[in-house]
Amino acid sequence: MLTVHHLNESRSTRVLWLLHELDMPYDLVEHERNSETRLAPESLKKVHPLGKAPVLVDDSLVLCESGAIMEYLLDKTEDSSLRPDAGTPEYYQYQEWLHFAEGSLALPVIASLMMKMEQRTGDKPMDGYIAKEVNVDFSYIDATLAKQSYFAGNDFTAADIMMTVMLEIADNVGLLTAHGNIKAYLEKVQARAAYQAARSHG
């Protein structure tokens, strides 16, 4: 049986969402952030040295990093609908966006979140860089969603799961106000039953 170690209010929701999309059974171990520091609890370090979520345990395998876990789960299932066939143009779009979520997009989004949380007086050295990255990334994302329904083409894939959770953080920080295609996309994917089931765990 697969075991998922999930942290509330975190990106580990992605793994739960994928498991619900695939209708794969799993055991869930929930970890709670410290209410004052908002940091992950020490209990996660007993599962993986990094002390971060998500962590997937499957027999002797202990795996972290959302993208790696999602690829592992897709390799274990006979349901190929959430990953395009290897070698097709859609497959390489899928790979681009699967990695874009935690590669290009994560830094400016998380930095913007942190900037909102701190008391700030005047511009900081990284402000201009972050603003540039936000503009470039979200212009690219919005233009992509203007011409196709999902990130890997016109079919929903695991790349959409990876991207959606980061886009939700961006939306909460106010980075999507000028990007109607992204807002419409979020409404669409958030209506999926598997998304709703995953979000019920916080």
N, C-alpha and C. Protein backbone atom coordinates (compact mmCIF):
# COMPACT_ATOMS: atom_id res chain seq x y z
N MET A 1 0.84 -1.20 0.00
CA MET A 1 0.00 0.00 0.00
C MET A 1 0.88 1.26 0.00
N LEU A 2 0.54 2.20 -0.83
CA LEU A 2 1.23 3.48 -0.86
C LEU A 2 0.88 4.29 0.38
N THR A 3 1.87 4.97 0.93
CA THR A 3 1.63 5.89 2.05
C THR A 3 2.12 7.27 1.66
N VAL A 4 1.27 8.25 1.84
CA VAL A 4 1.62 9.63 1.54
C VAL A 4 1.70 10.42 2.84
N HIS A 5 2.82 11.08 3.05
CA HIS A 5 2.98 12.00 4.18
C HIS A 5 2.68 13.40 3.65
N HIS A 6 1.61 13.97 4.19
CA HIS A 6 1.06 15.23 3.68
C HIS A 6 1.16 16.29 4.77
N LEU A 7 1.53 17.50 4.36
CA LEU A 7 1.59 18.64 5.27
C LEU A 7 0.47 19.60 4.91
N ASN A 8 -0.27 20.03 5.93
CA ASN A 8 -1.38 20.96 5.67
C ASN A 8 -0.86 22.27 5.07
N GLU A 9 -1.68 22.89 4.24
CA GLU A 9 -1.36 24.16 3.59
C GLU A 9 -0.02 24.08 2.86
N SER A 10 0.11 23.06 2.06
CA SER A 10 1.38 22.90 1.33
C SER A 10 1.12 22.37 -0.08
N ARG A 11 2.18 22.33 -0.85
CA ARG A 11 2.09 21.85 -2.22
C ARG A 11 1.96 20.33 -2.31
N SER A 12 2.01 19.65 -1.18
CA SER A 12 1.86 18.19 -1.22
C SER A 12 0.44 17.77 -1.61
N THR A 13 -0.47 18.73 -1.65
CA THR A 13 -1.83 18.45 -2.15
C THR A 13 -1.78 17.87 -3.56
N ARG A 14 -0.75 18.23 -4.32
CA ARG A 14 -0.62 17.73 -5.69
C ARG A 14 -0.67 16.20 -5.75
N VAL A 15 0.05 15.56 -4.84
CA VAL A 15 0.13 14.10 -4.88
C VAL A 15 -1.22 13.48 -4.55
N LEU A 16 -1.92 14.05 -3.58
CA LEU A 16 -3.26 13.55 -3.24
C LEU A 16 -4.20 13.71 -4.43
N TRP A 17 -4.10 14.85 -5.09
CA TRP A 17 -4.94 15.12 -6.26
C TRP A 17 -4.70 14.07 -7.34
N LEU A 18 -3.44 13.79 -7.64
CA LEU A 18 -3.13 12.81 -8.67
C LEU A 18 -3.66 11.43 -8.28
N LEU A 19 -3.49 11.05 -7.03
CA LEU A 19 -3.97 9.75 -6.58
C LEU A 19 -5.49 9.63 -6.75
N HIS A 20 -6.21 10.72 -6.48
CA HIS A 20 -7.66 10.70 -6.67
C HIS A 20 -8.03 10.64 -8.15
N GLU A 21 -7.27 11.35 -8.98
CA GLU A 21 -7.52 11.28 -10.42
C GLU A 21 -7.34 9.85 -10.94
N LEU A 22 -6.34 9.16 -10.40
CA LEU A 22 -6.02 7.80 -10.84
C LEU A 22 -6.83 6.75 -10.11
N ASP A 23 -7.57 7.17 -9.08
CA ASP A 23 -8.35 6.25 -8.25
C ASP A 23 -7.45 5.16 -7.66
N MET A 24 -6.28 5.57 -7.19
CA MET A 24 -5.33 4.64 -6.57
C MET A 24 -5.48 4.69 -5.05
N PRO A 25 -5.58 3.55 -4.40
CA PRO A 25 -5.71 3.55 -2.93
C PRO A 25 -4.40 3.96 -2.26
N TYR A 26 -4.51 4.61 -1.13
CA TYR A 26 -3.31 5.02 -0.39
C TYR A 26 -3.66 5.25 1.07
N ASP A 27 -2.65 5.15 1.90
CA ASP A 27 -2.77 5.54 3.31
C ASP A 27 -2.25 6.96 3.44
N LEU A 28 -2.92 7.75 4.25
CA LEU A 28 -2.53 9.14 4.43
C LEU A 28 -2.05 9.39 5.85
N VAL A 29 -0.87 9.98 5.97
CA VAL A 29 -0.36 10.43 7.26
C VAL A 29 -0.29 11.95 7.20
N GLU A 30 -1.06 12.61 8.04
CA GLU A 30 -1.14 14.06 8.01
C GLU A 30 -0.23 14.68 9.07
N HIS A 31 0.53 15.68 8.64
CA HIS A 31 1.41 16.42 9.53
C HIS A 31 0.92 17.87 9.58
N GLU A 32 1.00 18.49 10.73
CA GLU A 32 0.48 19.85 10.91
C GLU A 32 1.61 20.85 11.13
N ARG A 33 1.49 21.98 10.46
CA ARG A 33 2.47 23.05 10.67
C ARG A 33 2.38 23.59 12.10
N ASN A 34 3.49 24.10 12.60
CA ASN A 34 3.48 24.81 13.87
C ASN A 34 2.63 26.07 13.71
N SER A 35 1.66 26.26 14.58
CA SER A 35 0.71 27.36 14.42
C SER A 35 1.36 28.73 14.54
N GLU A 36 2.50 28.82 15.21
CA GLU A 36 3.18 30.11 15.39
C GLU A 36 4.24 30.35 14.32
N THR A 37 5.10 29.36 14.10
CA THR A 37 6.20 29.56 13.15
C THR A 37 5.80 29.22 11.72
N ARG A 38 4.72 28.45 11.54
CA ARG A 38 4.26 27.96 10.23
C ARG A 38 5.23 26.96 9.61
N LEU A 39 6.19 26.47 10.38
CA LEU A 39 7.16 25.52 9.87
C LEU A 39 6.62 24.09 9.99
N ALA A 40 7.20 23.20 9.20
CA ALA A 40 6.81 21.79 9.24
C ALA A 40 7.27 21.18 10.57
N PRO A 41 6.56 20.19 11.07
CA PRO A 41 6.92 19.58 12.35
C PRO A 41 8.11 18.64 12.23
N GLU A 42 8.71 18.33 13.35
CA GLU A 42 9.85 17.42 13.39
C GLU A 42 9.47 16.01 12.93
N SER A 43 8.20 15.67 13.01
CA SER A 43 7.75 14.33 12.62
C SER A 43 8.10 14.00 11.18
N LEU A 44 8.17 15.01 10.31
CA LEU A 44 8.51 14.76 8.91
C LEU A 44 9.97 14.36 8.74
N LYS A 45 10.84 14.83 9.64
CA LYS A 45 12.25 14.46 9.55
C LYS A 45 12.48 12.99 9.88
N LYS A 46 11.52 12.39 10.58
CA LYS A 46 11.62 10.97 10.87
C LYS A 46 11.30 10.13 9.64
N VAL A 47 10.64 10.77 8.66
CA VAL A 47 10.26 10.08 7.43
C VAL A 47 11.31 10.29 6.35
N HIS A 48 11.81 11.53 6.24
CA HIS A 48 12.81 11.87 5.23
C HIS A 48 13.74 12.93 5.81
N PRO A 49 15.03 12.85 5.54
CA PRO A 49 16.00 13.79 6.14
C PRO A 49 15.69 15.26 5.87
N LEU A 50 15.05 15.57 4.75
CA LEU A 50 14.75 16.97 4.44
C LEU A 50 13.64 17.55 5.31
N GLY A 51 12.81 16.70 5.87
CA GLY A 51 11.73 17.18 6.72
C GLY A 51 10.69 17.97 5.98
N LYS A 52 10.48 17.62 4.70
CA LYS A 52 9.52 18.34 3.87
C LYS A 52 8.46 17.38 3.34
N ALA A 53 7.36 17.95 2.88
CA ALA A 53 6.30 17.15 2.26
C ALA A 53 6.10 17.64 0.83
N PRO A 54 5.63 16.75 -0.05
CA PRO A 54 5.16 15.38 0.22
C PRO A 54 6.30 14.38 0.27
N VAL A 55 6.02 13.28 0.96
CA VAL A 55 6.89 12.11 0.92
C VAL A 55 6.02 10.90 0.60
N LEU A 56 6.45 10.11 -0.35
CA LEU A 56 5.75 8.87 -0.70
C LEU A 56 6.57 7.69 -0.21
N VAL A 57 5.91 6.76 0.47
CA VAL A 57 6.56 5.54 0.92
C VAL A 57 5.87 4.37 0.24
N ASP A 58 6.65 3.56 -0.45
CA ASP A 58 6.12 2.37 -1.12
C ASP A 58 7.10 1.24 -0.86
N ASP A 59 6.76 0.38 0.11
CA ASP A 59 7.67 -0.66 0.59
C ASP A 59 8.97 -0.01 1.06
N SER A 60 10.11 -0.33 0.44
CA SER A 60 11.39 0.21 0.90
C SER A 60 11.73 1.55 0.27
N LEU A 61 10.92 1.98 -0.69
CA LEU A 61 11.19 3.25 -1.37
C LEU A 61 10.61 4.42 -0.58
N VAL A 62 11.45 5.42 -0.32
CA VAL A 62 11.01 6.67 0.31
C VAL A 62 11.39 7.79 -0.65
N LEU A 63 10.39 8.47 -1.18
CA LEU A 63 10.62 9.42 -2.27
C LEU A 63 10.02 10.77 -1.94
N CYS A 64 10.80 11.84 -2.16
CA CYS A 64 10.28 13.19 -2.00
C CYS A 64 10.36 13.91 -3.34
N GLU A 65 9.88 15.14 -3.37
CA GLU A 65 9.76 15.99 -4.55
C GLU A 65 8.51 15.62 -5.37
N SER A 66 7.60 16.57 -5.46
CA SER A 66 6.30 16.35 -6.09
C SER A 66 6.43 15.78 -7.50
N GLY A 67 7.27 16.39 -8.34
CA GLY A 67 7.38 15.94 -9.72
C GLY A 67 7.86 14.51 -9.82
N ALA A 68 8.85 14.13 -9.02
CA ALA A 68 9.37 12.77 -9.03
C ALA A 68 8.31 11.78 -8.55
N ILE A 69 7.58 12.15 -7.52
CA ILE A 69 6.52 11.28 -7.00
C ILE A 69 5.43 11.08 -8.05
N MET A 70 5.08 12.15 -8.73
CA MET A 70 4.02 12.04 -9.73
C MET A 70 4.44 11.14 -10.89
N GLU A 71 5.68 11.25 -11.33
CA GLU A 71 6.16 10.38 -12.38
C GLU A 71 6.17 8.92 -11.91
N TYR A 72 6.56 8.69 -10.67
CA TYR A 72 6.56 7.34 -10.12
C TYR A 72 5.15 6.75 -10.11
N LEU A 73 4.18 7.55 -9.67
CA LEU A 73 2.80 7.06 -9.62
C LEU A 73 2.25 6.77 -11.02
N LEU A 74 2.60 7.63 -11.97
CA LEU A 74 2.15 7.40 -13.34
C LEU A 74 2.79 6.15 -13.94
N ASP A 75 4.01 5.84 -13.52
CA ASP A 75 4.67 4.62 -13.97
C ASP A 75 3.99 3.37 -13.39
N LYS A 76 3.37 3.51 -12.23
CA LYS A 76 2.77 2.36 -11.55
C LYS A 76 1.35 2.05 -12.03
N THR A 77 0.72 2.99 -12.72
CA THR A 77 -0.67 2.80 -13.11
C THR A 77 -0.81 2.39 -14.56
N GLU A 78 -1.91 1.74 -14.87
CA GLU A 78 -2.21 1.40 -16.26
C GLU A 78 -2.96 2.53 -16.96
N ASP A 79 -3.37 3.54 -16.18
CA ASP A 79 -4.10 4.68 -16.72
C ASP A 79 -3.10 5.66 -17.34
N SER A 80 -3.09 5.75 -18.64
CA SER A 80 -2.12 6.61 -19.33
C SER A 80 -2.70 7.96 -19.71
N SER A 81 -3.91 8.26 -19.25
CA SER A 81 -4.60 9.48 -19.70
C SER A 81 -3.98 10.76 -19.16
N LEU A 82 -3.21 10.68 -18.09
CA LEU A 82 -2.68 11.88 -17.46
C LEU A 82 -1.24 12.19 -17.84
N ARG A 83 -0.70 11.43 -18.79
CA ARG A 83 0.64 11.69 -19.31
C ARG A 83 0.64 11.34 -20.80
N PRO A 84 0.93 12.30 -21.67
CA PRO A 84 0.92 12.02 -23.11
C PRO A 84 1.93 10.94 -23.48
N ASP A 85 1.70 10.32 -24.61
CA ASP A 85 2.61 9.28 -25.09
C ASP A 85 4.00 9.86 -25.32
N ALA A 86 5.02 9.12 -24.88
CA ALA A 86 6.41 9.56 -25.05
C ALA A 86 6.73 9.78 -26.51
N GLY A 87 7.47 10.85 -26.76
CA GLY A 87 7.91 11.15 -28.12
C GLY A 87 6.98 12.07 -28.90
N THR A 88 5.78 12.31 -28.38
CA THR A 88 4.85 13.21 -29.06
C THR A 88 5.13 14.65 -28.65
N PRO A 89 4.69 15.63 -29.46
CA PRO A 89 4.85 17.05 -29.06
C PRO A 89 4.19 17.34 -27.72
N GLU A 90 3.04 16.72 -27.46
CA GLU A 90 2.33 16.93 -26.19
C GLU A 90 3.15 16.42 -25.01
N TYR A 91 3.89 15.34 -25.21
CA TYR A 91 4.72 14.79 -24.14
C TYR A 91 5.79 15.79 -23.72
N TYR A 92 6.39 16.44 -24.69
CA TYR A 92 7.45 17.38 -24.34
C TYR A 92 6.88 18.67 -23.76
N GLN A 93 5.67 19.06 -24.17
CA GLN A 93 4.98 20.16 -23.49
C GLN A 93 4.70 19.77 -22.04
N TYR A 94 4.25 18.55 -21.86
CA TYR A 94 3.99 18.03 -20.50
C TYR A 94 5.24 18.11 -19.64
N GLN A 95 6.37 17.67 -20.19
CA GLN A 95 7.63 17.70 -19.45
C GLN A 95 8.04 19.14 -19.12
N GLU A 96 7.86 20.03 -20.08
CA GLU A 96 8.23 21.44 -19.83
C GLU A 96 7.48 22.01 -18.64
N TRP A 97 6.16 21.84 -18.65
CA TRP A 97 5.34 22.45 -17.60
C TRP A 97 5.46 21.72 -16.27
N LEU A 98 5.69 20.40 -16.32
CA LEU A 98 5.90 19.64 -15.09
C LEU A 98 7.09 20.21 -14.33
N HIS A 99 8.15 20.57 -15.05
CA HIS A 99 9.36 21.11 -14.42
C HIS A 99 9.29 22.63 -14.21
N PHE A 100 8.55 23.31 -15.07
CA PHE A 100 8.41 24.76 -14.96
C PHE A 100 7.82 25.17 -13.60
N ALA A 101 6.88 24.36 -13.12
CA ALA A 101 6.17 24.71 -11.88
C ALA A 101 7.12 24.93 -10.71
N GLU A 102 8.10 24.04 -10.54
CA GLU A 102 9.04 24.17 -9.43
C GLU A 102 10.38 24.75 -9.87
N GLY A 103 10.55 24.94 -11.18
CA GLY A 103 11.78 25.52 -11.69
C GLY A 103 11.64 27.02 -11.86
N SER A 104 11.18 27.45 -13.02
CA SER A 104 11.07 28.89 -13.32
C SER A 104 10.07 29.61 -12.44
N LEU A 105 8.94 28.96 -12.13
CA LEU A 105 7.84 29.68 -11.48
C LEU A 105 7.94 29.79 -9.97
N ALA A 106 8.51 28.79 -9.33
CA ALA A 106 8.48 28.76 -7.86
C ALA A 106 9.18 29.94 -7.21
N LEU A 107 10.37 30.31 -7.71
CA LEU A 107 11.13 31.38 -7.07
C LEU A 107 10.37 32.71 -7.04
N PRO A 108 9.90 33.24 -8.18
CA PRO A 108 9.20 34.53 -8.10
C PRO A 108 7.90 34.47 -7.31
N VAL A 109 7.20 33.34 -7.38
CA VAL A 109 5.93 33.24 -6.64
C VAL A 109 6.17 33.18 -5.14
N ILE A 110 7.06 32.31 -4.71
CA ILE A 110 7.34 32.18 -3.28
C ILE A 110 7.99 33.45 -2.74
N ALA A 111 8.86 34.06 -3.54
CA ALA A 111 9.47 35.33 -3.11
C ALA A 111 8.40 36.41 -2.94
N SER A 112 7.44 36.45 -3.86
CA SER A 112 6.35 37.43 -3.75
C SER A 112 5.51 37.18 -2.51
N LEU A 113 5.29 35.91 -2.19
CA LEU A 113 4.56 35.56 -0.98
C LEU A 113 5.30 36.04 0.26
N MET A 114 6.60 35.80 0.31
CA MET A 114 7.40 36.22 1.47
C MET A 114 7.43 37.74 1.60
N MET A 115 7.50 38.44 0.46
CA MET A 115 7.52 39.90 0.48
C MET A 115 6.22 40.45 1.06
N LYS A 116 5.10 39.76 0.79
CA LYS A 116 3.81 40.20 1.33
C LYS A 116 3.74 39.98 2.84
N MET A 117 4.49 39.01 3.33
CA MET A 117 4.41 38.64 4.74
C MET A 117 5.29 39.50 5.64
N GLU A 118 6.28 40.21 5.04
CA GLU A 118 7.20 40.99 5.87
C GLU A 118 6.86 42.47 5.83
N GLN A 119 7.26 43.17 6.88
CA GLN A 119 7.11 44.62 6.90
C GLN A 119 8.23 45.22 6.06
N ARG A 120 7.86 46.01 5.06
CA ARG A 120 8.85 46.49 4.10
C ARG A 120 8.86 48.02 4.04
N THR A 121 10.06 48.58 3.97
CA THR A 121 10.22 50.01 3.78
C THR A 121 11.16 50.22 2.60
N GLY A 122 10.63 50.72 1.51
CA GLY A 122 11.45 50.95 0.33
C GLY A 122 11.73 49.68 -0.45
N ASP A 123 12.35 49.85 -1.60
CA ASP A 123 12.69 48.71 -2.45
C ASP A 123 13.87 47.94 -1.89
N LYS A 124 13.84 46.64 -2.11
CA LYS A 124 14.93 45.76 -1.72
C LYS A 124 15.71 45.35 -2.97
N PRO A 125 16.95 44.86 -2.81
CA PRO A 125 17.79 44.55 -3.96
C PRO A 125 17.16 43.60 -4.98
N MET A 126 16.34 42.63 -4.52
CA MET A 126 15.79 41.63 -5.42
C MET A 126 14.44 42.03 -6.02
N ASP A 127 13.87 43.15 -5.61
CA ASP A 127 12.51 43.51 -6.04
C ASP A 127 12.38 43.62 -7.55
N GLY A 128 13.34 44.28 -8.19
CA GLY A 128 13.28 44.46 -9.63
C GLY A 128 13.37 43.14 -10.37
N TYR A 129 14.24 42.26 -9.90
CA TYR A 129 14.39 40.94 -10.52
C TYR A 129 13.10 40.14 -10.39
N ILE A 130 12.52 40.13 -9.20
CA ILE A 130 11.29 39.37 -8.98
C ILE A 130 10.15 39.91 -9.84
N ALA A 131 10.04 41.23 -9.92
CA ALA A 131 8.98 41.84 -10.74
C ALA A 131 9.15 41.45 -12.21
N LYS A 132 10.38 41.43 -12.69
CA LYS A 132 10.64 41.04 -14.08
C LYS A 132 10.25 39.59 -14.32
N GLU A 133 10.64 38.72 -13.40
CA GLU A 133 10.34 37.29 -13.55
C GLU A 133 8.84 37.03 -13.49
N VAL A 134 8.15 37.72 -12.61
CA VAL A 134 6.69 37.58 -12.51
C VAL A 134 6.04 37.96 -13.83
N ASN A 135 6.46 39.07 -14.41
CA ASN A 135 5.89 39.54 -15.66
C ASN A 135 6.15 38.56 -16.80
N VAL A 136 7.38 38.09 -16.92
CA VAL A 136 7.74 37.17 -18.00
C VAL A 136 7.00 35.84 -17.85
N ASP A 137 7.01 35.28 -16.64
CA ASP A 137 6.40 33.96 -16.42
C ASP A 137 4.89 33.98 -16.66
N PHE A 138 4.22 34.97 -16.10
CA PHE A 138 2.76 34.95 -16.20
C PHE A 138 2.26 35.39 -17.57
N SER A 139 3.03 36.19 -18.25
CA SER A 139 2.69 36.50 -19.65
C SER A 139 2.78 35.25 -20.50
N TYR A 140 3.82 34.45 -20.28
CA TYR A 140 4.00 33.20 -21.01
C TYR A 140 2.88 32.20 -20.71
N ILE A 141 2.56 32.07 -19.43
CA ILE A 141 1.49 31.13 -19.02
C ILE A 141 0.16 31.56 -19.61
N ASP A 142 -0.17 32.84 -19.50
CA ASP A 142 -1.45 33.34 -19.99
C ASP A 142 -1.57 33.15 -21.50
N ALA A 143 -0.48 33.41 -22.22
CA ALA A 143 -0.50 33.23 -23.67
C ALA A 143 -0.68 31.76 -24.05
N THR A 144 -0.08 30.87 -23.28
CA THR A 144 -0.24 29.43 -23.54
C THR A 144 -1.69 29.02 -23.36
N LEU A 145 -2.31 29.48 -22.28
CA LEU A 145 -3.69 29.09 -22.00
C LEU A 145 -4.70 29.81 -22.90
N ALA A 146 -4.25 30.81 -23.62
CA ALA A 146 -5.11 31.48 -24.60
C ALA A 146 -5.29 30.62 -25.84
N LYS A 147 -4.31 29.77 -26.12
CA LYS A 147 -4.36 29.00 -27.37
C LYS A 147 -4.66 27.52 -27.16
N GLN A 148 -4.64 27.04 -25.93
CA GLN A 148 -4.99 25.63 -25.67
C GLN A 148 -5.64 25.51 -24.30
N SER A 149 -6.37 24.42 -24.12
CA SER A 149 -7.18 24.26 -22.91
C SER A 149 -6.36 23.94 -21.67
N TYR A 150 -5.28 23.18 -21.86
CA TYR A 150 -4.46 22.76 -20.73
C TYR A 150 -2.97 22.94 -21.09
N PHE A 151 -2.10 22.66 -20.15
CA PHE A 151 -0.70 22.97 -20.37
C PHE A 151 -0.02 22.07 -21.41
N ALA A 152 -0.48 20.82 -21.52
CA ALA A 152 0.14 19.93 -22.51
C ALA A 152 -0.73 19.78 -23.76
N GLY A 153 -1.59 20.73 -24.00
CA GLY A 153 -2.47 20.66 -25.17
C GLY A 153 -3.92 20.78 -24.76
N ASN A 154 -4.77 19.96 -25.34
CA ASN A 154 -6.20 20.07 -25.06
C ASN A 154 -6.72 18.99 -24.13
N ASP A 155 -5.80 18.24 -23.50
CA ASP A 155 -6.19 17.23 -22.52
C ASP A 155 -5.55 17.53 -21.17
N PHE A 156 -6.30 17.33 -20.11
CA PHE A 156 -5.80 17.49 -18.74
C PHE A 156 -4.74 16.43 -18.45
N THR A 157 -3.62 16.86 -17.87
CA THR A 157 -2.54 15.93 -17.51
C THR A 157 -2.01 16.26 -16.12
N ALA A 158 -1.06 15.44 -15.66
CA ALA A 158 -0.43 15.69 -14.37
C ALA A 158 0.34 17.00 -14.34
N ALA A 159 0.74 17.51 -15.50
CA ALA A 159 1.39 18.82 -15.54
C ALA A 159 0.45 19.92 -15.06
N ASP A 160 -0.84 19.76 -15.32
CA ASP A 160 -1.82 20.73 -14.83
C ASP A 160 -1.91 20.70 -13.31
N ILE A 161 -1.77 19.53 -12.75
CA ILE A 161 -1.78 19.42 -11.29
C ILE A 161 -0.57 20.15 -10.71
N MET A 162 0.60 19.93 -11.29
CA MET A 162 1.81 20.61 -10.82
C MET A 162 1.65 22.13 -10.92
N MET A 163 1.14 22.60 -12.03
CA MET A 163 1.04 24.04 -12.25
C MET A 163 -0.05 24.68 -11.40
N THR A 164 -1.19 24.02 -11.25
CA THR A 164 -2.33 24.63 -10.57
C THR A 164 -2.01 25.05 -9.15
N VAL A 165 -1.34 24.19 -8.41
CA VAL A 165 -1.07 24.52 -7.01
C VAL A 165 -0.19 25.76 -6.90
N MET A 166 0.78 25.91 -7.79
CA MET A 166 1.61 27.11 -7.77
C MET A 166 0.81 28.33 -8.23
N LEU A 167 -0.07 28.15 -9.20
CA LEU A 167 -0.90 29.27 -9.66
C LEU A 167 -1.86 29.73 -8.57
N GLU A 168 -2.32 28.82 -7.73
CA GLU A 168 -3.19 29.20 -6.62
C GLU A 168 -2.45 30.09 -5.63
N ILE A 169 -1.22 29.76 -5.35
CA ILE A 169 -0.41 30.61 -4.46
C ILE A 169 -0.27 32.00 -5.08
N ALA A 170 0.02 32.02 -6.37
CA ALA A 170 0.17 33.30 -7.08
C ALA A 170 -1.12 34.11 -7.01
N ASP A 171 -2.25 33.44 -7.16
CA ASP A 171 -3.54 34.12 -7.10
C ASP A 171 -3.78 34.71 -5.72
N ASN A 172 -3.43 33.95 -4.68
CA ASN A 172 -3.61 34.43 -3.30
C ASN A 172 -2.74 35.64 -3.00
N VAL A 173 -1.62 35.77 -3.71
CA VAL A 173 -0.71 36.90 -3.51
C VAL A 173 -1.10 38.09 -4.39
N GLY A 174 -2.05 37.88 -5.29
CA GLY A 174 -2.52 38.96 -6.15
C GLY A 174 -1.74 39.12 -7.44
N LEU A 175 -1.11 38.05 -7.91
CA LEU A 175 -0.28 38.15 -9.11
C LEU A 175 -1.06 37.87 -10.40
N LEU A 176 -2.33 37.49 -10.30
CA LEU A 176 -3.06 37.08 -11.49
C LEU A 176 -4.15 38.07 -11.93
N THR A 177 -4.19 39.23 -11.34
CA THR A 177 -5.29 40.16 -11.63
C THR A 177 -5.37 40.56 -13.09
N ALA A 178 -4.24 40.59 -13.79
CA ALA A 178 -4.24 41.01 -15.19
C ALA A 178 -4.22 39.83 -16.15
N HIS A 179 -4.46 38.63 -15.64
CA HIS A 179 -4.32 37.44 -16.47
C HIS A 179 -5.61 36.62 -16.46
N GLY A 180 -6.54 37.05 -17.30
CA GLY A 180 -7.86 36.43 -17.34
C GLY A 180 -7.85 34.98 -17.78
N ASN A 181 -6.95 34.62 -18.68
CA ASN A 181 -6.91 33.22 -19.13
C ASN A 181 -6.50 32.28 -18.00
N ILE A 182 -5.59 32.73 -17.16
CA ILE A 182 -5.15 31.90 -16.03
C ILE A 182 -6.28 31.78 -15.01
N LYS A 183 -6.97 32.87 -14.75
CA LYS A 183 -8.08 32.85 -13.78
C LYS A 183 -9.17 31.89 -14.25
N ALA A 184 -9.51 31.95 -15.54
CA ALA A 184 -10.54 31.06 -16.08
C ALA A 184 -10.09 29.60 -16.01
N TYR A 185 -8.82 29.38 -16.29
CA TYR A 185 -8.25 28.03 -16.21
C TYR A 185 -8.38 27.48 -14.78
N LEU A 186 -8.03 28.29 -13.79
CA LEU A 186 -8.11 27.83 -12.41
C LEU A 186 -9.53 27.44 -12.03
N GLU A 187 -10.49 28.24 -12.42
CA GLU A 187 -11.89 27.90 -12.13
C GLU A 187 -12.25 26.54 -12.70
N LYS A 188 -11.79 26.27 -13.90
CA LYS A 188 -12.11 25.02 -14.58
C LYS A 188 -11.51 23.82 -13.86
N VAL A 189 -10.22 23.88 -13.54
CA VAL A 189 -9.58 22.71 -12.95
C VAL A 189 -9.98 22.52 -11.48
N GLN A 190 -10.30 23.61 -10.80
CA GLN A 190 -10.72 23.50 -9.41
C GLN A 190 -12.10 22.86 -9.27
N ALA A 191 -12.83 22.76 -10.35
CA ALA A 191 -14.15 22.13 -10.33
C ALA A 191 -14.05 20.61 -10.44
N ARG A 192 -12.87 20.07 -10.71
CA ARG A 192 -12.72 18.62 -10.85
C ARG A 192 -12.95 17.93 -9.51
N ALA A 193 -13.62 16.79 -9.55
CA ALA A 193 -13.96 16.07 -8.32
C ALA A 193 -12.70 15.63 -7.56
N ALA A 194 -11.68 15.21 -8.29
CA ALA A 194 -10.44 14.76 -7.64
C ALA A 194 -9.74 15.91 -6.93
N TYR A 195 -9.81 17.10 -7.51
CA TYR A 195 -9.24 18.28 -6.86
C TYR A 195 -9.97 18.55 -5.54
N GLN A 196 -11.28 18.51 -5.57
CA GLN A 196 -12.08 18.77 -4.38
C GLN A 196 -11.77 17.74 -3.27
N ALA A 197 -11.60 16.49 -3.67
CA ALA A 197 -11.28 15.45 -2.70
C ALA A 197 -9.92 15.69 -2.05
N ALA A 198 -8.93 16.08 -2.87
CA ALA A 198 -7.60 16.34 -2.34
C ALA A 198 -7.60 17.54 -1.41
N ARG A 199 -8.33 18.57 -1.76
CA ARG A 199 -8.35 19.80 -0.97
C ARG A 199 -9.06 19.60 0.37
N SER A 200 -9.83 18.56 0.51
CA SER A 200 -10.53 18.32 1.78
C SER A 200 -9.56 18.01 2.91
N HIS A 201 -8.32 17.71 2.56
CA HIS A 201 -7.30 17.40 3.58
C HIS A 201 -6.51 18.63 4.00
N GLY A 202 -6.84 19.79 3.43
CA GLY A 202 -6.18 21.04 3.84
C GLY A 202 -4.86 21.29 3.18
